[in-house]
N, C-alpha and C. Protein backbone atom coordinates (compact mmCIF):
# COMPACT_ATOMS: atom_id res chain seq x y z
N MET A 1 3.54 -35.64 -112.75
CA MET A 1 3.69 -34.54 -111.80
C MET A 1 4.64 -34.99 -110.71
N GLY A 2 5.60 -34.17 -110.37
CA GLY A 2 6.58 -34.50 -109.35
C GLY A 2 6.14 -34.04 -107.98
N VAL A 3 6.97 -34.28 -107.01
CA VAL A 3 6.70 -33.83 -105.64
C VAL A 3 7.96 -33.21 -105.06
N TYR A 4 7.76 -32.32 -104.13
CA TYR A 4 8.86 -31.78 -103.35
C TYR A 4 8.82 -32.44 -101.99
N ILE A 5 9.97 -32.82 -101.48
CA ILE A 5 10.03 -33.42 -100.16
C ILE A 5 10.52 -32.34 -99.20
N ILE A 6 9.69 -32.04 -98.23
CA ILE A 6 10.03 -31.04 -97.22
C ILE A 6 10.16 -31.79 -95.90
N GLY A 7 11.33 -31.75 -95.32
CA GLY A 7 11.57 -32.50 -94.11
C GLY A 7 11.71 -33.97 -94.46
N GLU A 8 11.56 -34.81 -93.51
CA GLU A 8 11.75 -36.24 -93.72
C GLU A 8 10.54 -36.93 -94.34
N SER A 9 9.33 -36.55 -93.93
CA SER A 9 8.19 -37.35 -94.37
C SER A 9 7.06 -36.55 -95.03
N LEU A 10 7.21 -35.24 -95.16
CA LEU A 10 6.16 -34.43 -95.74
C LEU A 10 6.41 -34.23 -97.23
N LYS A 11 5.47 -34.67 -98.08
CA LYS A 11 5.61 -34.50 -99.52
C LYS A 11 4.55 -33.52 -99.99
N VAL A 12 4.96 -32.59 -100.83
CA VAL A 12 4.05 -31.56 -101.33
C VAL A 12 4.02 -31.68 -102.85
N PRO A 13 2.82 -31.69 -103.46
CA PRO A 13 2.77 -31.81 -104.92
C PRO A 13 3.38 -30.59 -105.62
N LYS A 14 4.03 -30.84 -106.70
CA LYS A 14 4.61 -29.79 -107.51
C LYS A 14 3.47 -29.05 -108.21
N THR A 15 3.53 -27.73 -108.26
CA THR A 15 2.43 -26.96 -108.83
C THR A 15 2.77 -26.48 -110.24
N VAL A 16 1.76 -26.00 -110.93
CA VAL A 16 1.95 -25.44 -112.26
C VAL A 16 2.87 -24.23 -112.19
N LEU A 17 2.73 -23.41 -111.14
CA LEU A 17 3.59 -22.24 -110.97
C LEU A 17 5.06 -22.65 -110.94
N GLU A 18 5.36 -23.72 -110.25
CA GLU A 18 6.75 -24.18 -110.16
C GLU A 18 7.26 -24.62 -111.53
N ASP A 19 6.41 -25.27 -112.31
CA ASP A 19 6.80 -25.66 -113.66
C ASP A 19 7.07 -24.43 -114.52
N VAL A 20 6.23 -23.41 -114.37
CA VAL A 20 6.40 -22.18 -115.13
C VAL A 20 7.72 -21.51 -114.74
N TRP A 21 8.03 -21.46 -113.44
CA TRP A 21 9.28 -20.83 -113.00
C TRP A 21 10.48 -21.59 -113.51
N LEU A 22 10.43 -22.92 -113.50
CA LEU A 22 11.56 -23.70 -114.01
C LEU A 22 11.80 -23.41 -115.48
N ASP A 23 10.71 -23.33 -116.24
CA ASP A 23 10.83 -23.01 -117.66
C ASP A 23 11.36 -21.60 -117.87
N THR A 24 10.85 -20.66 -117.08
CA THR A 24 11.28 -19.26 -117.17
C THR A 24 12.76 -19.12 -116.83
N LEU A 25 13.18 -19.77 -115.75
CA LEU A 25 14.59 -19.70 -115.35
C LEU A 25 15.50 -20.30 -116.42
N SER A 26 15.05 -21.36 -117.04
CA SER A 26 15.83 -21.97 -118.11
C SER A 26 16.02 -20.99 -119.26
N LYS A 27 14.96 -20.29 -119.62
CA LYS A 27 15.04 -19.31 -120.72
C LYS A 27 15.91 -18.11 -120.32
N LEU A 28 15.82 -17.69 -119.06
CA LEU A 28 16.64 -16.56 -118.61
C LEU A 28 18.12 -16.93 -118.60
N ARG A 29 18.43 -18.15 -118.18
CA ARG A 29 19.83 -18.61 -118.17
C ARG A 29 20.42 -18.59 -119.58
N ASP A 30 19.59 -18.91 -120.57
CA ASP A 30 20.05 -18.96 -121.95
C ASP A 30 20.14 -17.58 -122.61
N ASN A 31 19.61 -16.56 -121.94
CA ASN A 31 19.60 -15.21 -122.49
C ASN A 31 20.84 -14.46 -122.00
N PRO A 32 21.80 -14.17 -122.90
CA PRO A 32 23.03 -13.50 -122.47
C PRO A 32 22.81 -12.06 -122.00
N ASN A 33 21.67 -11.48 -122.32
CA ASN A 33 21.38 -10.10 -121.91
C ASN A 33 20.76 -10.00 -120.52
N PHE A 34 20.45 -11.15 -119.90
CA PHE A 34 19.84 -11.13 -118.58
C PHE A 34 20.89 -11.38 -117.52
N ASN A 35 20.80 -10.69 -116.41
CA ASN A 35 21.77 -10.77 -115.32
C ASN A 35 21.80 -12.18 -114.71
N SER A 36 22.92 -12.88 -114.88
CA SER A 36 23.03 -14.26 -114.39
C SER A 36 22.98 -14.33 -112.86
N GLU A 37 23.46 -13.29 -112.17
CA GLU A 37 23.39 -13.28 -110.70
C GLU A 37 21.94 -13.27 -110.24
N LEU A 38 21.11 -12.52 -110.94
CA LEU A 38 19.69 -12.45 -110.61
C LEU A 38 19.02 -13.80 -110.83
N VAL A 39 19.38 -14.48 -111.90
CA VAL A 39 18.84 -15.81 -112.16
C VAL A 39 19.22 -16.76 -111.03
N GLU A 40 20.46 -16.69 -110.57
CA GLU A 40 20.91 -17.55 -109.47
C GLU A 40 20.15 -17.25 -108.18
N LYS A 41 19.88 -15.97 -107.90
CA LYS A 41 19.12 -15.61 -106.71
C LYS A 41 17.70 -16.16 -106.78
N ILE A 42 17.08 -16.03 -107.95
CA ILE A 42 15.72 -16.54 -108.12
C ILE A 42 15.71 -18.06 -107.98
N GLU A 43 16.70 -18.72 -108.57
CA GLU A 43 16.80 -20.18 -108.45
C GLU A 43 16.91 -20.60 -106.99
N SER A 44 17.74 -19.91 -106.23
CA SER A 44 17.91 -20.28 -104.82
C SER A 44 16.61 -20.07 -104.05
N MET A 45 15.87 -19.01 -104.40
CA MET A 45 14.59 -18.77 -103.72
C MET A 45 13.59 -19.88 -104.03
N THR A 46 13.60 -20.37 -105.26
CA THR A 46 12.64 -21.40 -105.64
C THR A 46 13.02 -22.77 -105.09
N LYS A 47 14.30 -22.97 -104.75
CA LYS A 47 14.72 -24.26 -104.20
C LYS A 47 14.49 -24.36 -102.70
N VAL A 48 14.36 -23.24 -102.03
CA VAL A 48 14.23 -23.23 -100.57
C VAL A 48 12.90 -23.82 -100.12
N GLY A 49 11.87 -23.58 -100.84
CA GLY A 49 10.55 -24.07 -100.44
C GLY A 49 9.53 -23.68 -101.49
N MET A 50 8.31 -23.52 -101.06
CA MET A 50 7.27 -23.12 -101.98
C MET A 50 7.59 -21.74 -102.55
N ILE A 51 7.30 -21.54 -103.81
CA ILE A 51 7.64 -20.29 -104.48
C ILE A 51 6.70 -19.18 -104.02
N ASN A 52 7.31 -18.07 -103.64
CA ASN A 52 6.54 -16.88 -103.26
C ASN A 52 6.78 -15.85 -104.36
N SER A 53 5.79 -15.70 -105.23
CA SER A 53 5.96 -14.81 -106.38
C SER A 53 6.17 -13.36 -105.96
N ASP A 54 5.60 -12.93 -104.83
CA ASP A 54 5.81 -11.56 -104.36
C ASP A 54 7.29 -11.30 -104.07
N ASP A 55 7.98 -12.26 -103.46
CA ASP A 55 9.41 -12.11 -103.17
C ASP A 55 10.22 -11.99 -104.47
N ILE A 56 9.84 -12.77 -105.47
CA ILE A 56 10.56 -12.73 -106.74
C ILE A 56 10.30 -11.40 -107.45
N ILE A 57 9.08 -10.90 -107.38
CA ILE A 57 8.75 -9.60 -107.99
C ILE A 57 9.57 -8.49 -107.34
N VAL A 58 9.68 -8.52 -106.03
CA VAL A 58 10.49 -7.51 -105.31
C VAL A 58 11.95 -7.60 -105.78
N LEU A 59 12.47 -8.79 -105.90
CA LEU A 59 13.84 -8.99 -106.35
C LEU A 59 14.03 -8.43 -107.76
N LEU A 60 13.09 -8.65 -108.64
CA LEU A 60 13.18 -8.16 -110.01
C LEU A 60 13.09 -6.63 -110.08
N LYS A 61 12.35 -6.03 -109.16
CA LYS A 61 12.21 -4.57 -109.15
C LYS A 61 13.48 -3.89 -108.67
N ASP A 62 14.24 -4.56 -107.80
CA ASP A 62 15.48 -3.97 -107.25
C ASP A 62 16.50 -3.93 -108.27
């Protein structure tokens, strides 16, 4: 299990949800029928901090 480093000294354990999103994003990137811009937006949201699934759902609905 990995960790995310937030700030200089705060480490947060990687969650199952984050593993699921990484796998999902990988599959979406490989799918030529899925909007690559949307994949990039979701990736940037997941890299900023803890994943907020509500924000991603809103993005997918737009």
